[in-house]
């Protein structure tokens, strides 16, 4: 799970050696979740991904997100014009 790779590829070119050693230390010291926790999390996520939601619920969720997005765009437009709650 904690596969070793060259940390230098993730850092900027010419990074100081102290930074490289610190990054390697942080990678080595990072704790891993227990196998029991990982197994329970996997089972919970797999069960959740197989659940099918009714189309009415999906449509209601889409409508809520569209309404919220439209409202935020309207508030942003009014605020950019110099009025409204953020103007």
PDB file of N, CA and C in Angstrom:
ATOM      1  N   UNK A   1       0.818  -1.193   0.000  1.00  0.00           N
ATOM      2  CA  UNK A   1       0.000   0.000   0.000  1.00  0.00           C
ATOM      3  C   UNK A   1       0.863   1.258   0.000  1.00  0.00           C
ATOM      4  N   UNK A   2       1.940   1.243   0.732  1.00  0.00           N
ATOM      5  CA  UNK A   2       2.836   2.389   0.799  1.00  0.00           C
ATOM      6  C   UNK A   2       4.014   2.125  -0.119  1.00  0.00           C
ATOM      7  N   UNK A   3       3.765   2.119  -1.406  1.00  0.00           N
ATOM      8  CA  UNK A   3       4.765   1.766  -2.403  1.00  0.00           C
ATOM      9  C   UNK A   3       5.834   2.850  -2.496  1.00  0.00           C
ATOM     10  N   UNK A   4       7.070   2.425  -2.570  1.00  0.00           N
ATOM     11  CA  UNK A   4       8.192   3.361  -2.610  1.00  0.00           C
ATOM     12  C   UNK A   4       8.406   3.876  -4.035  1.00  0.00           C
ATOM     13  N   UNK A   5       8.568   5.175  -4.173  1.00  0.00           N
ATOM     14  CA  UNK A   5       8.883   5.762  -5.469  1.00  0.00           C
ATOM     15  C   UNK A   5       9.828   6.940  -5.250  1.00  0.00           C
ATOM     16  N   UNK A   6      10.404   7.428  -6.313  1.00  0.00           N
ATOM     17  CA  UNK A   6      11.349   8.526  -6.216  1.00  0.00           C
ATOM     18  C   UNK A   6      10.587   9.819  -5.976  1.00  0.00           C
ATOM     19  N   UNK A   7      10.793  10.405  -4.821  1.00  0.00           N
ATOM     20  CA  UNK A   7      10.076  11.618  -4.431  1.00  0.00           C
ATOM     21  C   UNK A   7      10.510  12.815  -5.261  1.00  0.00           C
ATOM     22  N   UNK A   8      11.699  12.754  -5.840  1.00  0.00           N
ATOM     23  CA  UNK A   8      12.202  13.890  -6.613  1.00  0.00           C
ATOM     24  C   UNK A   8      11.312  14.214  -7.819  1.00  0.00           C
ATOM     25  N   UNK A   9      10.621  13.213  -8.339  1.00  0.00           N
ATOM     26  CA  UNK A   9       9.732  13.455  -9.480  1.00  0.00           C
ATOM     27  C   UNK A   9       8.542  14.328  -9.079  1.00  0.00           C
ATOM     28  N   UNK A  10       8.185  14.313  -7.783  1.00  0.00           N
ATOM     29  CA  UNK A  10       7.046  15.099  -7.301  1.00  0.00           C
ATOM     30  C   UNK A  10       7.434  16.515  -6.888  1.00  0.00           C
ATOM     31  N   UNK A  11       8.731  16.764  -6.732  1.00  0.00           N
ATOM     32  CA  UNK A  11       9.199  18.079  -6.288  1.00  0.00           C
ATOM     33  C   UNK A  11       9.695  18.909  -7.464  1.00  0.00           C
ATOM     34  N   UNK A  12       9.892  20.186  -7.201  1.00  0.00           N
ATOM     35  CA  UNK A  12      10.425  21.072  -8.238  1.00  0.00           C
ATOM     36  C   UNK A  12      11.859  20.667  -8.566  1.00  0.00           C
ATOM     37  N   UNK A  13      12.281  20.882  -9.799  1.00  0.00           N
ATOM     38  CA  UNK A  13      13.683  20.584 -10.141  1.00  0.00           C
ATOM     39  C   UNK A  13      14.628  21.441  -9.299  1.00  0.00           C
ATOM     40  N   UNK A  14      15.680  20.831  -8.824  1.00  0.00           N
ATOM     41  CA  UNK A  14      16.654  21.565  -8.035  1.00  0.00           C
ATOM     42  C   UNK A  14      16.242  21.787  -6.594  1.00  0.00           C
ATOM     43  N   UNK A  15      15.312  20.985  -6.084  1.00  0.00           N
ATOM     44  CA  UNK A  15      14.888  21.127  -4.692  1.00  0.00           C
ATOM     45  C   UNK A  15      16.057  20.787  -3.771  1.00  0.00           C
ATOM     46  N   UNK A  16      16.203  21.512  -2.680  1.00  0.00           N
ATOM     47  CA  UNK A  16      17.307  21.237  -1.754  1.00  0.00           C
ATOM     48  C   UNK A  16      17.195  19.819  -1.174  1.00  0.00           C
ATOM     49  N   UNK A  17      18.339  19.253  -0.836  1.00  0.00           N
ATOM     50  CA  UNK A  17      18.382  17.876  -0.306  1.00  0.00           C
ATOM     51  C   UNK A  17      17.618  17.771   1.013  1.00  0.00           C
ATOM     52  N   UNK A  18      17.591  18.854   1.802  1.00  0.00           N
ATOM     53  CA  UNK A  18      16.835  18.834   3.060  1.00  0.00           C
ATOM     54  C   UNK A  18      15.349  18.613   2.792  1.00  0.00           C
ATOM     55  N   UNK A  19      14.836  19.256   1.769  1.00  0.00           N
ATOM     56  CA  UNK A  19      13.419  19.107   1.427  1.00  0.00           C
ATOM     57  C   UNK A  19      13.143  17.677   0.969  1.00  0.00           C
ATOM     58  N   UNK A  20      14.050  17.120   0.207  1.00  0.00           N
ATOM     59  CA  UNK A  20      13.878  15.744  -0.277  1.00  0.00           C
ATOM     60  C   UNK A  20      13.866  14.785   0.900  1.00  0.00           C
ATOM     61  N   UNK A  21      14.790  14.955   1.841  1.00  0.00           N
ATOM     62  CA  UNK A  21      14.824  14.075   3.017  1.00  0.00           C
ATOM     63  C   UNK A  21      13.570  14.239   3.861  1.00  0.00           C
ATOM     64  N   UNK A  22      13.096  15.475   4.017  1.00  0.00           N
ATOM     65  CA  UNK A  22      11.870  15.717   4.779  1.00  0.00           C
ATOM     66  C   UNK A  22      10.674  15.040   4.109  1.00  0.00           C
ATOM     67  N   UNK A  23      10.565  15.167   2.810  1.00  0.00           N
ATOM     68  CA  UNK A  23       9.456  14.532   2.087  1.00  0.00           C
ATOM     69  C   UNK A  23       9.518  13.022   2.221  1.00  0.00           C
ATOM     70  N   UNK A  24      10.709  12.438   2.130  1.00  0.00           N
ATOM     71  CA  UNK A  24      10.839  10.989   2.292  1.00  0.00           C
ATOM     72  C   UNK A  24      10.470  10.563   3.705  1.00  0.00           C
ATOM     73  N   UNK A  25      10.878  11.363   4.697  1.00  0.00           N
ATOM     74  CA  UNK A  25      10.529  11.048   6.087  1.00  0.00           C
ATOM     75  C   UNK A  25       9.013  11.090   6.297  1.00  0.00           C
ATOM     76  N   UNK A  26       8.366  12.108   5.750  1.00  0.00           N
ATOM     77  CA  UNK A  26       6.918  12.224   5.905  1.00  0.00           C
ATOM     78  C   UNK A  26       6.196  11.062   5.235  1.00  0.00           C
ATOM     79  N   UNK A  27       6.688  10.625   4.076  1.00  0.00           N
ATOM     80  CA  UNK A  27       6.081   9.470   3.416  1.00  0.00           C
ATOM     81  C   UNK A  27       6.263   8.203   4.241  1.00  0.00           C
ATOM     82  N   UNK A  28       7.442   8.034   4.805  1.00  0.00           N
ATOM     83  CA  UNK A  28       7.709   6.834   5.602  1.00  0.00           C
ATOM     84  C   UNK A  28       6.929   6.831   6.912  1.00  0.00           C
ATOM     85  N   UNK A  29       6.726   7.998   7.515  1.00  0.00           N
ATOM     86  CA  UNK A  29       6.079   8.103   8.819  1.00  0.00           C
ATOM     87  C   UNK A  29       4.559   8.149   8.728  1.00  0.00           C
ATOM     88  N   UNK A  30       4.017   8.232   7.530  1.00  0.00           N
ATOM     89  CA  UNK A  30       2.563   8.337   7.378  1.00  0.00           C
ATOM     90  C   UNK A  30       1.885   7.058   7.841  1.00  0.00           C
ATOM     91  N   UNK A  31       0.951   7.149   8.777  1.00  0.00           N
ATOM     92  CA  UNK A  31       0.290   5.940   9.277  1.00  0.00           C
ATOM     93  C   UNK A  31      -0.714   5.398   8.256  1.00  0.00           C
ATOM     94  N   UNK A  32      -0.871   4.092   8.253  1.00  0.00           N
ATOM     95  CA  UNK A  32      -1.857   3.444   7.405  1.00  0.00           C
ATOM     96  C   UNK A  32      -3.049   3.029   8.246  1.00  0.00           C
ATOM     97  N   UNK A  33      -4.258   3.118   7.704  1.00  0.00           N
ATOM     98  CA  UNK A  33      -5.424   2.649   8.456  1.00  0.00           C
ATOM     99  C   UNK A  33      -5.308   1.143   8.688  1.00  0.00           C
ATOM    100  N   UNK A  34      -5.941   0.681   9.754  1.00  0.00           N
ATOM    101  CA  UNK A  34      -5.890  -0.742  10.074  1.00  0.00           C
ATOM    102  C   UNK A  34      -6.620  -1.545   9.000  1.00  0.00           C
ATOM    103  N   UNK A  35      -6.235  -2.805   8.818  1.00  0.00           N
ATOM    104  CA  UNK A  35      -6.916  -3.643   7.824  1.00  0.00           C
ATOM    105  C   UNK A  35      -8.420  -3.773   8.083  1.00  0.00           C
ATOM    106  N   UNK A  36      -8.811  -3.810   9.348  1.00  0.00           N
ATOM    107  CA  UNK A  36     -10.235  -3.897   9.668  1.00  0.00           C
ATOM    108  C   UNK A  36     -11.009  -2.681   9.186  1.00  0.00           C
ATOM    109  N   UNK A  37     -10.429  -1.506   9.393  1.00  0.00           N
ATOM    110  CA  UNK A  37     -11.067  -0.270   8.941  1.00  0.00           C
ATOM    111  C   UNK A  37     -11.156  -0.235   7.423  1.00  0.00           C
ATOM    112  N   UNK A  38     -10.048  -0.615   6.756  1.00  0.00           N
ATOM    113  CA  UNK A  38     -10.049  -0.594   5.289  1.00  0.00           C
ATOM    114  C   UNK A  38     -11.080  -1.559   4.727  1.00  0.00           C
ATOM    115  N   UNK A  39     -11.211  -2.755   5.346  1.00  0.00           N
ATOM    116  CA  UNK A  39     -12.191  -3.724   4.876  1.00  0.00           C
ATOM    117  C   UNK A  39     -13.612  -3.224   5.061  1.00  0.00           C
ATOM    118  N   UNK A  40     -13.890  -2.627   6.230  1.00  0.00           N
ATOM    119  CA  UNK A  40     -15.236  -2.100   6.494  1.00  0.00           C
ATOM    120  C   UNK A  40     -15.555  -0.953   5.538  1.00  0.00           C
ATOM    121  N   UNK A  41     -14.575  -0.095   5.293  1.00  0.00           N
ATOM    122  CA  UNK A  41     -14.787   1.022   4.371  1.00  0.00           C
ATOM    123  C   UNK A  41     -15.063   0.509   2.964  1.00  0.00           C
ATOM    124  N   UNK A  42     -14.306  -0.492   2.533  1.00  0.00           N
ATOM    125  CA  UNK A  42     -14.519  -1.051   1.191  1.00  0.00           C
ATOM    126  C   UNK A  42     -15.916  -1.648   1.060  1.00  0.00           C
ATOM    127  N   UNK A  43     -16.340  -2.424   2.069  1.00  0.00           N
ATOM    128  CA  UNK A  43     -17.685  -3.023   2.007  1.00  0.00           C
ATOM    129  C   UNK A  43     -18.774  -1.949   1.977  1.00  0.00           C
ATOM    130  N   UNK A  44     -18.595  -0.909   2.781  1.00  0.00           N
ATOM    131  CA  UNK A  44     -19.595   0.166   2.822  1.00  0.00           C
ATOM    132  C   UNK A  44     -19.661   0.903   1.479  1.00  0.00           C
ATOM    133  N   UNK A  45     -18.505   1.186   0.875  1.00  0.00           N
ATOM    134  CA  UNK A  45     -18.491   1.886  -0.407  1.00  0.00           C
ATOM    135  C   UNK A  45     -19.044   1.022  -1.532  1.00  0.00           C
ATOM    136  N   UNK A  46     -18.732  -0.274  -1.515  1.00  0.00           N
ATOM    137  CA  UNK A  46     -19.274  -1.163  -2.548  1.00  0.00           C
ATOM    138  C   UNK A  46     -20.788  -1.290  -2.429  1.00  0.00           C
ATOM    139  N   UNK A  47     -21.295  -1.402  -1.206  1.00  0.00           N
ATOM    140  CA  UNK A  47     -22.743  -1.499  -1.011  1.00  0.00           C
ATOM    141  C   UNK A  47     -23.428  -0.222  -1.476  1.00  0.00           C
ATOM    142  N   UNK A  48     -22.795   0.900  -1.212  1.00  0.00           N
ATOM    143  CA  UNK A  48     -23.390   2.175  -1.603  1.00  0.00           C
ATOM    144  C   UNK A  48     -23.385   2.363  -3.118  1.00  0.00           C
ATOM    145  N   UNK A  49     -22.363   1.848  -3.802  1.00  0.00           N
ATOM    146  CA  UNK A  49     -22.271   2.051  -5.245  1.00  0.00           C
ATOM    147  C   UNK A  49     -23.280   1.203  -6.013  1.00  0.00           C
ATOM    148  N   UNK A  50     -23.788   0.148  -5.395  1.00  0.00           N
ATOM    149  CA  UNK A  50     -24.745  -0.723  -6.080  1.00  0.00           C
ATOM    150  C   UNK A  50     -26.197  -0.310  -5.838  1.00  0.00           C
ATOM    151  N   UNK A  51     -26.385   0.682  -4.983  1.00  0.00           N
ATOM    152  CA  UNK A  51     -27.742   1.153  -4.712  1.00  0.00           C
ATOM    153  C   UNK A  51     -28.272   1.947  -5.895  1.00  0.00           C
ATOM    154  N   UNK A  52     -29.482   1.665  -6.325  1.00  0.00           N
ATOM    155  CA  UNK A  52     -30.102   2.384  -7.433  1.00  0.00           C
ATOM    156  C   UNK A  52     -31.123   3.348  -6.854  1.00  0.00           C
ATOM    157  N   UNK A  53     -31.012   4.605  -7.239  1.00  0.00           N
ATOM    158  CA  UNK A  53     -31.946   5.602  -6.750  1.00  0.00           C
ATOM    159  C   UNK A  53     -33.070   5.780  -7.761  1.00  0.00           C
ATOM    160  N   UNK A  54     -34.283   5.988  -7.264  1.00  0.00           N
ATOM    161  CA  UNK A  54     -35.418   6.175  -8.177  1.00  0.00           C
ATOM    162  C   UNK A  54     -35.245   7.443  -9.018  1.00  0.00           C
ATOM    163  N   UNK A  55     -35.731   7.414 -10.252  1.00  0.00           N
ATOM    164  CA  UNK A  55     -35.588   8.584 -11.141  1.00  0.00           C
ATOM    165  C   UNK A  55     -36.179   9.863 -10.564  1.00  0.00           C
ATOM    166  N   UNK A  56     -37.268   9.762  -9.801  1.00  0.00           N
ATOM    167  CA  UNK A  56     -37.869  10.968  -9.221  1.00  0.00           C
ATOM    168  C   UNK A  56     -36.894  11.645  -8.251  1.00  0.00           C
ATOM    169  N   UNK A  57     -36.160  10.849  -7.487  1.00  0.00           N
ATOM    170  CA  UNK A  57     -35.184  11.407  -6.554  1.00  0.00           C
ATOM    171  C   UNK A  57     -34.028  12.060  -7.303  1.00  0.00           C
ATOM    172  N   UNK A  58     -33.605  11.446  -8.361  1.00  0.00           N
ATOM    173  CA  UNK A  58     -32.519  12.015  -9.175  1.00  0.00           C
ATOM    174  C   UNK A  58     -32.963  13.332  -9.809  1.00  0.00           C
ATOM    175  N   UNK A  59     -34.195  13.368 -10.346  1.00  0.00           N
ATOM    176  CA  UNK A  59     -34.708  14.614 -10.940  1.00  0.00           C
ATOM    177  C   UNK A  59     -34.823  15.715  -9.899  1.00  0.00           C
ATOM    178  N   UNK A  60     -35.281  15.373  -8.694  1.00  0.00           N
ATOM    179  CA  UNK A  60     -35.403  16.378  -7.632  1.00  0.00           C
ATOM    180  C   UNK A  60     -34.029  16.925  -7.251  1.00  0.00           C
ATOM    181  N   UNK A  61     -33.028  16.048  -7.185  1.00  0.00           N
ATOM    182  CA  UNK A  61     -31.679  16.492  -6.852  1.00  0.00           C
ATOM    183  C   UNK A  61     -31.123  17.410  -7.946  1.00  0.00           C
ATOM    184  N   UNK A  62     -31.357  17.061  -9.201  1.00  0.00           N
ATOM    185  CA  UNK A  62     -30.904  17.901 -10.318  1.00  0.00           C
ATOM    186  C   UNK A  62     -31.577  19.269 -10.253  1.00  0.00           C
ATOM    187  N   UNK A  63     -32.862  19.287  -9.957  1.00  0.00           N
ATOM    188  CA  UNK A  63     -33.599  20.551  -9.868  1.00  0.00           C
ATOM    189  C   UNK A  63     -33.050  21.418  -8.736  1.00  0.00           C
ATOM    190  N   UNK A  64     -32.741  20.811  -7.593  1.00  0.00           N
ATOM    191  CA  UNK A  64     -32.191  21.576  -6.471  1.00  0.00           C
ATOM    192  C   UNK A  64     -30.831  22.180  -6.826  1.00  0.00           C
ATOM    193  N   UNK A  65     -29.959  21.377  -7.452  1.00  0.00           N
ATOM    194  CA  UNK A  65     -28.643  21.892  -7.837  1.00  0.00           C
ATOM    195  C   UNK A  65     -28.760  22.988  -8.889  1.00  0.00           C
ATOM    196  N   UNK A  66     -29.652  22.820  -9.846  1.00  0.00           N
ATOM    197  CA  UNK A  66     -29.837  23.837 -10.885  1.00  0.00           C
ATOM    198  C   UNK A  66     -30.374  25.123 -10.285  1.00  0.00           C
ATOM    199  N   UNK A  67     -31.307  25.016  -9.362  1.00  0.00           N
ATOM    200  CA  UNK A  67     -31.866  26.197  -8.702  1.00  0.00           C
ATOM    201  C   UNK A  67     -30.789  26.916  -7.896  1.00  0.00           C
ATOM    202  N   UNK A  68     -30.003  26.152  -7.135  1.00  0.00           N
ATOM    203  CA  UNK A  68     -28.948  26.767  -6.330  1.00  0.00           C
ATOM    204  C   UNK A  68     -27.905  27.431  -7.233  1.00  0.00           C
ATOM    205  N   UNK A  69     -27.531  26.782  -8.324  1.00  0.00           N
ATOM    206  CA  UNK A  69     -26.559  27.363  -9.242  1.00  0.00           C
ATOM    207  C   UNK A  69     -27.064  28.631  -9.883  1.00  0.00           C
ATOM    208  N   UNK A  70     -28.327  28.623 -10.298  1.00  0.00           N
ATOM    209  CA  UNK A  70     -28.931  29.812 -10.907  1.00  0.00           C
ATOM    210  C   UNK A  70     -28.983  30.957  -9.905  1.00  0.00           C
ATOM    211  N   UNK A  71     -29.347  30.645  -8.661  1.00  0.00           N
ATOM    212  CA  UNK A  71     -29.403  31.668  -7.619  1.00  0.00           C
ATOM    213  C   UNK A  71     -28.016  32.262  -7.365  1.00  0.00           C
ATOM    214  N   UNK A  72     -26.995  31.418  -7.310  1.00  0.00           N
ATOM    215  CA  UNK A  72     -25.636  31.921  -7.097  1.00  0.00           C
ATOM    216  C   UNK A  72     -25.167  32.785  -8.269  1.00  0.00           C
ATOM    217  N   UNK A  73     -25.493  32.373  -9.489  1.00  0.00           N
ATOM    218  CA  UNK A  73     -25.138  33.197 -10.651  1.00  0.00           C
ATOM    219  C   UNK A  73     -25.852  34.544 -10.609  1.00  0.00           C
ATOM    220  N   UNK A  74     -27.104  34.548 -10.209  1.00  0.00           N
ATOM    221  CA  UNK A  74     -27.870  35.785 -10.110  1.00  0.00           C
ATOM    222  C   UNK A  74     -27.262  36.703  -9.053  1.00  0.00           C
ATOM    223  N   UNK A  75     -26.919  36.152  -7.894  1.00  0.00           N
ATOM    224  CA  UNK A  75     -26.296  36.961  -6.829  1.00  0.00           C
ATOM    225  C   UNK A  75     -24.963  37.515  -7.311  1.00  0.00           C
ATOM    226  N   UNK A  76     -24.169  36.707  -8.000  1.00  0.00           N
ATOM    227  CA  UNK A  76     -22.884  37.170  -8.524  1.00  0.00           C
ATOM    228  C   UNK A  76     -23.052  38.274  -9.542  1.00  0.00           C
ATOM    229  N   UNK A  77     -24.043  38.150 -10.410  1.00  0.00           N
ATOM    230  CA  UNK A  77     -24.296  39.163 -11.442  1.00  0.00           C
ATOM    231  C   UNK A  77     -24.728  40.482 -10.811  1.00  0.00           C
ATOM    232  N   UNK A  78     -25.632  40.397  -9.844  1.00  0.00           N
ATOM    233  CA  UNK A  78     -26.106  41.608  -9.171  1.00  0.00           C
ATOM    234  C   UNK A  78     -24.971  42.253  -8.394  1.00  0.00           C
ATOM    235  N   UNK A  79     -24.143  41.431  -7.749  1.00  0.00           N
ATOM    236  CA  UNK A  79     -23.017  41.980  -6.981  1.00  0.00           C
ATOM    237  C   UNK A  79     -21.988  42.626  -7.898  1.00  0.00           C
ATOM    238  N   UNK A  80     -21.743  42.032  -9.067  1.00  0.00           N
ATOM    239  CA  UNK A  80     -20.783  42.617 -10.010  1.00  0.00           C
ATOM    240  C   UNK A  80     -21.283  43.958 -10.542  1.00  0.00           C
ATOM    241  N   UNK A  81     -22.611  44.132 -10.565  1.00  0.00           N
ATOM    242  CA  UNK A  81     -23.192  45.385 -11.022  1.00  0.00           C
ATOM    243  C   UNK A  81     -23.119  46.458  -9.936  1.00  0.00           C
ATOM    244  N   UNK A  82     -22.704  46.082  -8.714  1.00  0.00           N
ATOM    245  CA  UNK A  82     -22.526  47.068  -7.657  1.00  0.00           C
ATOM    246  C   UNK A  82     -23.677  47.114  -6.672  1.00  0.00           C
ATOM    247  N   UNK A  83     -24.602  46.204  -6.756  1.00  0.00           N
ATOM    248  CA  UNK A  83     -25.726  46.186  -5.822  1.00  0.00           C
ATOM    249  C   UNK A  83     -25.777  44.811  -5.167  1.00  0.00           C
ATOM    250  N   UNK A  84     -26.786  44.596  -4.368  1.00  0.00           N
ATOM    251  CA  UNK A  84     -26.981  43.277  -3.785  1.00  0.00           C
ATOM    252  C   UNK A  84     -26.187  43.067  -2.527  1.00  0.00           C
ATOM    253  N   UNK A  85     -26.186  41.826  -2.028  1.00  0.00           N
ATOM    254  CA  UNK A  85     -25.572  41.547  -0.729  1.00  0.00           C
ATOM    255  C   UNK A  85     -24.044  41.663  -0.719  1.00  0.00           C
ATOM    256  N   UNK A  86     -23.410  41.496  -1.839  1.00  0.00           N
ATOM    257  CA  UNK A  86     -21.949  41.566  -1.883  1.00  0.00           C
ATOM    258  C   UNK A  86     -21.437  42.822  -2.576  1.00  0.00           C
ATOM    259  N   UNK A  87     -22.340  43.698  -2.968  1.00  0.00           N
ATOM    260  CA  UNK A  87     -21.972  44.877  -3.732  1.00  0.00           C
ATOM    261  C   UNK A  87     -21.405  46.005  -2.964  1.00  0.00           C
TER     262      UNK A  87
END
